[in-house]
C-alpha atoms as a PDB file:
ATOM      1  CA  UNK A   1     -58.286 161.754   6.500  1.00  0.00           C
ATOM      2  CA  UNK A   2     -61.716 161.906   4.924  1.00  0.00           C
ATOM      3  CA  UNK A   3     -63.989 164.769   5.813  1.00  0.00           C
ATOM      4  CA  UNK A   4     -67.613 163.660   5.931  1.00  0.00           C
ATOM      5  CA  UNK A   5     -68.430 164.795   2.397  1.00  0.00           C
ATOM      6  CA  UNK A   6     -69.252 162.551  -0.569  1.00  0.00           C
ATOM      7  CA  UNK A   7     -66.805 164.287  -2.892  1.00  0.00           C
ATOM      8  CA  UNK A   8     -63.787 164.227  -0.590  1.00  0.00           C
ATOM      9  CA  UNK A   9     -60.414 162.924  -1.762  1.00  0.00           C
ATOM     10  CA  UNK A  10     -57.340 161.780   0.107  1.00  0.00           C
ATOM     11  CA  UNK A  11     -53.722 160.980  -0.663  1.00  0.00           C
ATOM     12  CA  UNK A  12     -52.441 157.716   0.784  1.00  0.00           C
ATOM     13  CA  UNK A  13     -48.879 156.554   1.279  1.00  0.00           C
ATOM     14  CA  UNK A  14     -47.980 152.887   1.029  1.00  0.00           C
ATOM     15  CA  UNK A  15     -48.867 151.125   4.268  1.00  0.00           C
ATOM     16  CA  UNK A  16     -50.811 154.093   5.602  1.00  0.00           C
ATOM     17  CA  UNK A  17     -54.262 153.612   7.067  1.00  0.00           C
ATOM     18  CA  UNK A  18     -57.358 154.921   5.372  1.00  0.00           C
ATOM     19  CA  UNK A  19     -60.239 155.584   7.758  1.00  0.00           C
ATOM     20  CA  UNK A  20     -63.204 153.273   7.431  1.00  0.00           C
ATOM     21  CA  UNK A  21     -66.287 155.491   7.060  1.00  0.00           C
ATOM     22  CA  UNK A  22     -68.859 152.896   8.101  1.00  0.00           C
ATOM     23  CA  UNK A  23     -67.568 150.952  11.125  1.00  0.00           C
ATOM     24  CA  UNK A  24     -66.811 152.450  14.511  1.00  0.00           C
ATOM     25  CA  UNK A  25     -63.910 150.749  16.231  1.00  0.00           C
ATOM     26  CA  UNK A  26     -64.623 149.622  19.790  1.00  0.00           C
ATOM     27  CA  UNK A  27     -62.316 147.778  22.186  1.00  0.00           C
ATOM     28  CA  UNK A  28     -63.515 144.201  22.816  1.00  0.00           C
ATOM     29  CA  UNK A  29     -64.191 144.959  26.480  1.00  0.00           C
ATOM     30  CA  UNK A  30     -66.633 142.136  27.180  1.00  0.00           C
ATOM     31  CA  UNK A  31     -64.402 139.490  25.636  1.00  0.00           C
ATOM     32  CA  UNK A  32     -61.342 140.833  27.435  1.00  0.00           C
ATOM     33  CA  UNK A  33     -63.144 140.854  30.806  1.00  0.00           C
ATOM     34  CA  UNK A  34     -64.492 137.345  30.263  1.00  0.00           C
ATOM     35  CA  UNK A  35     -61.021 136.074  29.405  1.00  0.00           C
ATOM     36  CA  UNK A  36     -59.502 137.769  32.469  1.00  0.00           C
ATOM     37  CA  UNK A  37     -62.127 136.301  34.819  1.00  0.00           C
ATOM     38  CA  UNK A  38     -61.719 132.819  33.334  1.00  0.00           C
ATOM     39  CA  UNK A  39     -57.938 132.995  33.759  1.00  0.00           C
ATOM     40  CA  UNK A  40     -58.255 134.150  37.375  1.00  0.00           C
ATOM     41  CA  UNK A  41     -60.682 131.328  38.186  1.00  0.00           C
ATOM     42  CA  UNK A  42     -58.379 128.780  36.613  1.00  0.00           C
ATOM     43  CA  UNK A  43     -55.262 130.067  38.400  1.00  0.00           C
ATOM     44  CA  UNK A  44     -57.005 130.090  41.772  1.00  0.00           C
ATOM     45  CA  UNK A  45     -58.336 126.569  41.356  1.00  0.00           C
ATOM     46  CA  UNK A  46     -54.927 125.355  40.148  1.00  0.00           C
ATOM     47  CA  UNK A  47     -53.271 126.796  43.282  1.00  0.00           C
ATOM     48  CA  UNK A  48     -55.931 125.256  45.494  1.00  0.00           C
ATOM     49  CA  UNK A  49     -55.350 121.919  43.811  1.00  0.00           C
ATOM     50  CA  UNK A  50     -51.623 122.149  44.581  1.00  0.00           C
ATOM     51  CA  UNK A  51     -52.244 123.029  48.243  1.00  0.00           C
ATOM     52  CA  UNK A  52     -55.102 120.596  48.872  1.00  0.00           C
ATOM     53  CA  UNK A  53     -55.141 117.897  46.224  1.00  0.00           C
ATOM     54  CA  UNK A  54     -57.658 115.873  48.226  1.00  0.00           C
ATOM     55  CA  UNK A  55     -60.241 118.679  48.246  1.00  0.00           C
ATOM     56  CA  UNK A  56     -60.097 119.717  44.546  1.00  0.00           C
ATOM     57  CA  UNK A  57     -60.685 117.126  41.867  1.00  0.00           C
ATOM     58  CA  UNK A  58     -58.643 117.390  38.620  1.00  0.00           C
ATOM     59  CA  UNK A  59     -61.816 117.601  36.541  1.00  0.00           C
ATOM     60  CA  UNK A  60     -62.677 120.952  38.071  1.00  0.00           C
ATOM     61  CA  UNK A  61     -59.262 122.375  37.181  1.00  0.00           C
ATOM     62  CA  UNK A  62     -59.516 121.042  33.625  1.00  0.00           C
ATOM     63  CA  UNK A  63     -62.980 122.563  33.172  1.00  0.00           C
ATOM     64  CA  UNK A  64     -61.796 125.984  34.277  1.00  0.00           C
ATOM     65  CA  UNK A  65     -58.759 125.747  32.007  1.00  0.00           C
ATOM     66  CA  UNK A  66     -61.042 124.891  29.084  1.00  0.00           C
ATOM     67  CA  UNK A  67     -63.266 127.889  29.852  1.00  0.00           C
ATOM     68  CA  UNK A  68     -60.217 130.150  29.890  1.00  0.00           C
ATOM     69  CA  UNK A  69     -58.992 128.848  26.501  1.00  0.00           C
ATOM     70  CA  UNK A  70     -62.463 129.325  25.003  1.00  0.00           C
ATOM     71  CA  UNK A  71     -62.537 132.917  26.305  1.00  0.00           C
ATOM     72  CA  UNK A  72     -59.083 133.538  24.784  1.00  0.00           C
ATOM     73  CA  UNK A  73     -60.218 132.213  21.400  1.00  0.00           C
ATOM     74  CA  UNK A  74     -63.269 134.494  21.448  1.00  0.00           C
ATOM     75  CA  UNK A  75     -61.073 137.463  22.336  1.00  0.00           C
ATOM     76  CA  UNK A  76     -58.681 136.706  19.459  1.00  0.00           C
ATOM     77  CA  UNK A  77     -61.590 136.335  17.043  1.00  0.00           C
ATOM     78  CA  UNK A  78     -63.033 139.687  18.114  1.00  0.00           C
ATOM     79  CA  UNK A  79     -59.670 141.411  17.760  1.00  0.00           C
ATOM     80  CA  UNK A  80     -59.232 139.891  14.288  1.00  0.00           C
ATOM     81  CA  UNK A  81     -62.652 141.136  13.172  1.00  0.00           C
ATOM     82  CA  UNK A  82     -61.938 144.596  14.516  1.00  0.00           C
ATOM     83  CA  UNK A  83     -58.789 144.778  12.396  1.00  0.00           C
ATOM     84  CA  UNK A  84     -61.032 144.858   9.328  1.00  0.00           C
ATOM     85  CA  UNK A  85     -62.125 148.312  10.496  1.00  0.00           C
ATOM     86  CA  UNK A  86     -58.684 149.527   9.448  1.00  0.00           C
ATOM     87  CA  UNK A  87     -58.103 149.837   5.698  1.00  0.00           C
ATOM     88  CA  UNK A  88     -54.402 149.751   4.793  1.00  0.00           C
ATOM     89  CA  UNK A  89     -53.193 151.197   1.498  1.00  0.00           C
ATOM     90  CA  UNK A  90     -51.306 148.488  -0.462  1.00  0.00           C
ATOM     91  CA  UNK A  91     -49.426 151.159  -2.433  1.00  0.00           C
ATOM     92  CA  UNK A  92     -48.959 154.913  -2.478  1.00  0.00           C
ATOM     93  CA  UNK A  93     -51.667 156.667  -4.465  1.00  0.00           C
ATOM     94  CA  UNK A  94     -54.703 158.921  -4.524  1.00  0.00           C
ATOM     95  CA  UNK A  95     -58.203 157.998  -3.424  1.00  0.00           C
ATOM     96  CA  UNK A  96     -60.202 158.912  -6.517  1.00  0.00           C
ATOM     97  CA  UNK A  97     -63.621 157.617  -5.451  1.00  0.00           C
ATOM     98  CA  UNK A  98     -65.523 156.715  -2.301  1.00  0.00           C
ATOM     99  CA  UNK A  99     -68.674 154.629  -2.610  1.00  0.00           C
ATOM    100  CA  UNK A 100     -69.957 154.743   0.994  1.00  0.00           C
ATOM    101  CA  UNK A 101     -70.822 157.405   3.546  1.00  0.00           C
ATOM    102  CA  UNK A 102     -70.443 157.414   7.339  1.00  0.00           C
ATOM    103  CA  UNK A 103     -73.139 155.294   8.917  1.00  0.00           C
ATOM    104  CA  UNK A 104     -73.876 153.241   5.805  1.00  0.00           C
ATOM    105  CA  UNK A 105     -74.452 149.506   6.196  1.00  0.00           C
ATOM    106  CA  UNK A 106     -72.096 147.305   4.183  1.00  0.00           C
ATOM    107  CA  UNK A 107     -73.148 143.655   3.846  1.00  0.00           C
ATOM    108  CA  UNK A 108     -70.531 140.950   3.487  1.00  0.00           C
ATOM    109  CA  UNK A 109     -69.473 140.294  -0.091  1.00  0.00           C
ATOM    110  CA  UNK A 110     -70.771 137.076  -1.603  1.00  0.00           C
ATOM    111  CA  UNK A 111     -69.872 135.018  -4.660  1.00  0.00           C
ATOM    112  CA  UNK A 112     -72.536 136.865  -6.634  1.00  0.00           C
ATOM    113  CA  UNK A 113     -71.303 140.338  -5.671  1.00  0.00           C
ATOM    114  CA  UNK A 114     -69.680 142.457  -8.355  1.00  0.00           C
ATOM    115  CA  UNK A 115     -66.408 144.265  -7.596  1.00  0.00           C
ATOM    116  CA  UNK A 116     -68.210 147.600  -7.985  1.00  0.00           C
ATOM    117  CA  UNK A 117     -70.898 146.771  -5.431  1.00  0.00           C
ATOM    118  CA  UNK A 118     -68.400 145.360  -2.924  1.00  0.00           C
ATOM    119  CA  UNK A 119     -65.887 148.216  -3.211  1.00  0.00           C
ATOM    120  CA  UNK A 120     -65.688 151.048  -0.683  1.00  0.00           C
ATOM    121  CA  UNK A 121     -62.798 153.055  -2.171  1.00  0.00           C
ATOM    122  CA  UNK A 122     -60.843 153.425  -5.388  1.00  0.00           C
ATOM    123  CA  UNK A 123     -57.107 153.991  -4.962  1.00  0.00           C
ATOM    124  CA  UNK A 124     -54.974 154.916  -7.987  1.00  0.00           C
ATOM    125  CA  UNK A 125     -51.263 155.369  -8.555  1.00  0.00           C
ATOM    126  CA  UNK A 126     -50.659 157.008 -11.928  1.00  0.00           C
ATOM    127  CA  UNK A 127     -47.097 158.223 -11.408  1.00  0.00           C
ATOM    128  CA  UNK A 128     -46.448 155.800 -14.292  1.00  0.00           C
ATOM    129  CA  UNK A 129     -49.104 155.267 -16.961  1.00  0.00           C
ATOM    130  CA  UNK A 130     -49.744 152.605 -19.580  1.00  0.00           C
ATOM    131  CA  UNK A 131     -50.989 153.765 -22.982  1.00  0.00           C
ATOM    132  CA  UNK A 132     -52.957 151.221 -25.021  1.00  0.00           C
ATOM    133  CA  UNK A 133     -52.866 151.558 -28.815  1.00  0.00           C
ATOM    134  CA  UNK A 134     -54.629 149.349 -31.373  1.00  0.00           C
ATOM    135  CA  UNK A 135     -52.343 149.022 -34.406  1.00  0.00           C
ATOM    136  CA  UNK A 136     -53.956 148.236 -37.802  1.00  0.00           C
ATOM    137  CA  UNK A 137     -53.233 144.882 -39.413  1.00  0.00           C
ATOM    138  CA  UNK A 138     -51.033 146.351 -42.175  1.00  0.00           C
ATOM    139  CA  UNK A 139     -48.619 147.846 -39.643  1.00  0.00           C
ATOM    140  CA  UNK A 140     -48.493 144.851 -37.283  1.00  0.00           C
ATOM    141  CA  UNK A 141     -45.320 143.285 -38.814  1.00  0.00           C
ATOM    142  CA  UNK A 142     -43.412 146.487 -37.994  1.00  0.00           C
ATOM    143  CA  UNK A 143     -44.294 146.477 -34.287  1.00  0.00           C
ATOM    144  CA  UNK A 144     -41.598 145.410 -31.834  1.00  0.00           C
ATOM    145  CA  UNK A 145     -40.446 146.377 -28.363  1.00  0.00           C
ATOM    146  CA  UNK A 146     -38.569 149.650 -28.353  1.00  0.00           C
ATOM    147  CA  UNK A 147     -40.371 151.262 -31.303  1.00  0.00           C
ATOM    148  CA  UNK A 148     -40.295 155.045 -30.606  1.00  0.00           C
ATOM    149  CA  UNK A 149     -43.588 156.733 -29.837  1.00  0.00           C
ATOM    150  CA  UNK A 150     -44.711 160.354 -29.459  1.00  0.00           C
ATOM    151  CA  UNK A 151     -47.863 161.251 -27.578  1.00  0.00           C
ATOM    152  CA  UNK A 152     -49.966 164.370 -27.285  1.00  0.00           C
ATOM    153  CA  UNK A 153     -53.141 165.079 -25.361  1.00  0.00           C
ATOM    154  CA  UNK A 154     -55.648 167.827 -26.004  1.00  0.00           C
ATOM    155  CA  UNK A 155     -55.669 168.825 -22.341  1.00  0.00           C
ATOM    156  CA  UNK A 156     -51.944 169.727 -22.557  1.00  0.00           C
ATOM    157  CA  UNK A 157     -51.510 171.734 -25.783  1.00  0.00           C
ATOM    158  CA  UNK A 158     -47.972 172.268 -26.978  1.00  0.00           C
ATOM    159  CA  UNK A 159     -46.558 169.362 -24.958  1.00  0.00           C
ATOM    160  CA  UNK A 160     -45.180 166.202 -26.567  1.00  0.00           C
ATOM    161  CA  UNK A 161     -44.317 163.088 -24.582  1.00  0.00           C
ATOM    162  CA  UNK A 162     -41.858 160.527 -25.882  1.00  0.00           C
ATOM    163  CA  UNK A 163     -41.692 156.838 -25.058  1.00  0.00           C
ATOM    164  CA  UNK A 164     -41.360 153.413 -26.645  1.00  0.00           C
ATOM    165  CA  UNK A 165     -43.410 150.276 -27.146  1.00  0.00           C
ATOM    166  CA  UNK A 166     -43.184 148.159 -24.002  1.00  0.00           C
ATOM    167  CA  UNK A 167     -45.205 145.094 -25.006  1.00  0.00           C
ATOM    168  CA  UNK A 168     -47.732 143.948 -27.590  1.00  0.00           C
ATOM    169  CA  UNK A 169     -50.287 141.166 -27.897  1.00  0.00           C
ATOM    170  CA  UNK A 170     -48.747 139.361 -30.932  1.00  0.00           C
ATOM    171  CA  UNK A 171     -52.293 138.315 -31.950  1.00  0.00           C
ATOM    172  CA  UNK A 172     -54.929 140.416 -33.707  1.00  0.00           C
ATOM    173  CA  UNK A 173     -58.360 141.125 -32.334  1.00  0.00           C
ATOM    174  CA  UNK A 174     -60.867 139.037 -34.240  1.00  0.00           C
ATOM    175  CA  UNK A 175     -63.449 141.799 -34.537  1.00  0.00           C
ATOM    176  CA  UNK A 176     -61.264 144.844 -35.330  1.00  0.00           C
ATOM    177  CA  UNK A 177     -58.276 143.113 -36.996  1.00  0.00           C
ATOM    178  CA  UNK A 178     -55.943 145.268 -34.931  1.00  0.00           C
ATOM    179  CA  UNK A 179     -53.289 144.389 -32.369  1.00  0.00           C
ATOM    180  CA  UNK A 180     -53.154 145.739 -28.837  1.00  0.00           C
ATOM    181  CA  UNK A 181     -49.863 147.549 -28.195  1.00  0.00           C
ATOM    182  CA  UNK A 182     -48.842 149.113 -24.896  1.00  0.00           C
ATOM    183  CA  UNK A 183     -46.526 152.015 -24.110  1.00  0.00           C
ATOM    184  CA  UNK A 184     -45.449 152.792 -20.546  1.00  0.00           C
ATOM    185  CA  UNK A 185     -44.489 156.350 -19.634  1.00  0.00           C
ATOM    186  CA  UNK A 186     -43.345 158.008 -16.413  1.00  0.00           C
ATOM    187  CA  UNK A 187     -45.915 160.529 -15.201  1.00  0.00           C
ATOM    188  CA  UNK A 188     -44.273 162.298 -12.247  1.00  0.00           C
ATOM    189  CA  UNK A 189     -46.322 165.509 -12.617  1.00  0.00           C
ATOM    190  CA  UNK A 190     -49.596 163.569 -13.041  1.00  0.00           C
ATOM    191  CA  UNK A 191     -50.145 165.248 -16.421  1.00  0.00           C
ATOM    192  CA  UNK A 192     -51.758 162.145 -17.886  1.00  0.00           C
ATOM    193  CA  UNK A 193     -55.103 161.341 -16.291  1.00  0.00           C
ATOM    194  CA  UNK A 194     -56.404 157.777 -16.015  1.00  0.00           C
ATOM    195  CA  UNK A 195     -58.781 156.684 -18.809  1.00  0.00           C
ATOM    196  CA  UNK A 196     -57.978 159.805 -20.876  1.00  0.00           C
ATOM    197  CA  UNK A 197     -57.513 159.785 -24.656  1.00  0.00           C
ATOM    198  CA  UNK A 198     -54.187 160.565 -26.327  1.00  0.00           C
ATOM    199  CA  UNK A 199     -52.904 160.888 -29.892  1.00  0.00           C
ATOM    200  CA  UNK A 200     -50.026 158.482 -30.549  1.00  0.00           C
ATOM    201  CA  UNK A 201     -47.498 158.472 -33.377  1.00  0.00           C
ATOM    202  CA  UNK A 202     -45.369 155.340 -33.787  1.00  0.00           C
ATOM    203  CA  UNK A 203     -42.133 155.519 -35.783  1.00  0.00           C
ATOM    204  CA  UNK A 204     -42.508 152.169 -37.532  1.00  0.00           C
ATOM    205  CA  UNK A 205     -40.141 152.658 -40.457  1.00  0.00           C
ATOM    206  CA  UNK A 206     -37.576 155.152 -41.694  1.00  0.00           C
ATOM    207  CA  UNK A 207     -37.079 155.946 -45.387  1.00  0.00           C
ATOM    208  CA  UNK A 208     -33.852 157.229 -46.919  1.00  0.00           C
ATOM    209  CA  UNK A 209     -33.444 160.969 -47.101  1.00  0.00           C
ATOM    210  CA  UNK A 210     -33.782 160.941 -50.904  1.00  0.00           C
ATOM    211  CA  UNK A 211     -37.202 159.228 -50.778  1.00  0.00           C
ATOM    212  CA  UNK A 212     -40.545 161.018 -50.889  1.00  0.00           C
ATOM    213  CA  UNK A 213     -43.723 159.299 -49.700  1.00  0.00           C
ATOM    214  CA  UNK A 214     -46.628 159.726 -52.082  1.00  0.00           C
ATOM    215  CA  UNK A 215     -50.164 159.602 -50.773  1.00  0.00           C
ATOM    216  CA  UNK A 216     -53.625 158.902 -52.115  1.00  0.00           C
ATOM    217  CA  UNK A 217     -54.962 161.801 -54.197  1.00  0.00           C
ATOM    218  CA  UNK A 218     -51.322 162.866 -54.619  1.00  0.00           C
ATOM    219  CA  UNK A 219     -50.049 165.147 -57.300  1.00  0.00           C
ATOM    220  CA  UNK A 220     -46.414 165.805 -58.052  1.00  0.00           C
ATOM    221  CA  UNK A 221     -45.821 168.982 -60.032  1.00  0.00           C
ATOM    222  CA  UNK A 222     -42.424 169.481 -61.695  1.00  0.00           C
ATOM    223  CA  UNK A 223     -41.810 173.206 -62.060  1.00  0.00           C
ATOM    224  CA  UNK A 224     -38.913 174.638 -64.111  1.00  0.00           C
ATOM    225  CA  UNK A 225     -36.654 177.186 -62.564  1.00  0.00           C
ATOM    226  CA  UNK A 226     -36.857 180.702 -63.952  1.00  0.00           C
ATOM    227  CA  UNK A 227     -35.292 180.840 -67.403  1.00  0.00           C
ATOM    228  CA  UNK A 228     -34.436 177.103 -67.370  1.00  0.00           C
ATOM    229  CA  UNK A 229     -35.981 174.009 -68.963  1.00  0.00           C
ATOM    230  CA  UNK A 230     -36.221 170.268 -68.368  1.00  0.00           C
ATOM    231  CA  UNK A 231     -37.633 167.131 -69.959  1.00  0.00           C
ATOM    232  CA  UNK A 232     -38.845 163.754 -68.678  1.00  0.00           C
ATOM    233  CA  UNK A 233     -37.255 160.509 -69.841  1.00  0.00           C
ATOM    234  CA  UNK A 234     -39.280 157.358 -69.016  1.00  0.00           C
ATOM    235  CA  UNK A 235     -37.222 154.339 -68.011  1.00  0.00           C
ATOM    236  CA  UNK A 236     -39.633 151.557 -66.979  1.00  0.00           C
ATOM    237  CA  UNK A 237     -43.327 151.005 -66.318  1.00  0.00           C
ATOM    238  CA  UNK A 238     -45.012 147.969 -64.728  1.00  0.00           C
ATOM    239  CA  UNK A 239     -48.618 148.343 -63.627  1.00  0.00           C
ATOM    240  CA  UNK A 240     -48.897 151.111 -61.015  1.00  0.00           C
ATOM    241  CA  UNK A 241     -45.121 151.548 -60.892  1.00  0.00           C
ATOM    242  CA  UNK A 242     -43.397 153.963 -63.249  1.00  0.00           C
ATOM    243  CA  UNK A 243     -39.762 154.948 -63.234  1.00  0.00           C
ATOM    244  CA  UNK A 244     -38.280 157.818 -65.119  1.00  0.00           C
ATOM    245  CA  UNK A 245     -35.720 160.582 -65.097  1.00  0.00           C
ATOM    246  CA  UNK A 246     -36.327 164.298 -65.112  1.00  0.00           C
ATOM    247  CA  UNK A 247     -33.425 166.020 -66.854  1.00  0.00           C
ATOM    248  CA  UNK A 248     -32.826 169.712 -66.378  1.00  0.00           C
ATOM    249  CA  UNK A 249     -33.149 172.231 -63.562  1.00  0.00           C
ATOM    250  CA  UNK A 250     -36.462 172.127 -61.733  1.00  0.00           C
ATOM    251  CA  UNK A 251     -38.273 172.122 -58.426  1.00  0.00           C
ATOM    252  CA  UNK A 252     -40.822 169.617 -57.102  1.00  0.00           C
ATOM    253  CA  UNK A 253     -44.176 170.550 -55.614  1.00  0.00           C
ATOM    254  CA  UNK A 254     -45.854 167.614 -53.848  1.00  0.00           C
ATOM    255  CA  UNK A 255     -49.468 167.698 -52.675  1.00  0.00           C
ATOM    256  CA  UNK A 256     -50.826 164.649 -50.860  1.00  0.00           C
ATOM    257  CA  UNK A 257     -53.254 163.270 -48.310  1.00  0.00           C
ATOM    258  CA  UNK A 258     -53.024 159.504 -47.729  1.00  0.00           C
ATOM    259  CA  UNK A 259     -50.257 156.900 -48.200  1.00  0.00           C
ATOM    260  CA  UNK A 260     -49.911 155.563 -51.739  1.00  0.00           C
ATOM    261  CA  UNK A 261     -46.327 155.121 -52.982  1.00  0.00           C
ATOM    262  CA  UNK A 262     -42.727 156.330 -53.058  1.00  0.00           C
ATOM    263  CA  UNK A 263     -40.472 158.495 -55.184  1.00  0.00           C
ATOM    264  CA  UNK A 264     -36.888 157.320 -54.684  1.00  0.00           C
ATOM    265  CA  UNK A 265     -33.521 158.525 -55.893  1.00  0.00           C
ATOM    266  CA  UNK A 266     -34.166 162.260 -55.591  1.00  0.00           C
ATOM    267  CA  UNK A 267     -31.166 164.512 -55.840  1.00  0.00           C
ATOM    268  CA  UNK A 268     -31.475 166.728 -52.778  1.00  0.00           C
ATOM    269  CA  UNK A 269     -28.158 168.508 -53.133  1.00  0.00           C
END
């Protein structure tokens, strides 16, 4: 239940009732009494008609019956309106925001009302979260359902969450030339917070174990082992691609920053 404070929060189970902070529920006493009186009048006149049909005209009985049905309709309408004083949670979650205070007047929503102005509460269920990632155009062909993903958040240092791509947009955004990709993760401990930022790593492609990825501003240094020697034998060269063979006993020192190319066929024994 809400305490009467603007910053209060509540946990709601599915189907549970959240208290309405602006409408006081009252029993429709007047409508109920009017309906009861109209029914009594009708029943009495109907009995009198049966006992003395010559003294009571049918029109009188019909009028009283009509008054009773009108009173019943008004009672049902009042009861229906009063049900709106009870807010039922459509799913289990946490009330994260309340936009009204006890005693506030809430006008009926109109076609021009925004969802924010018409809302009274915000209810969230983030036991399972959806992570949205915008993948650059160059990597789009590698995206498919089931691609492994690792996520980290600054608020939880040292923790890594694993998941997989659940769905993607197939089309690129016209302005950013990136594709919306979504990852769904279970969040039983509520570690992920709604609308928070996360760092995502997608495993788009695996290279063989004897392949080294070279990056922009890369430098590969071939260092001889102590007391040993080696020499380089070029094999082929086409544009930015150069193939060769390093013969001898050596070690490789690779310094890099951004993706640029590959060294394949390394002997890692």
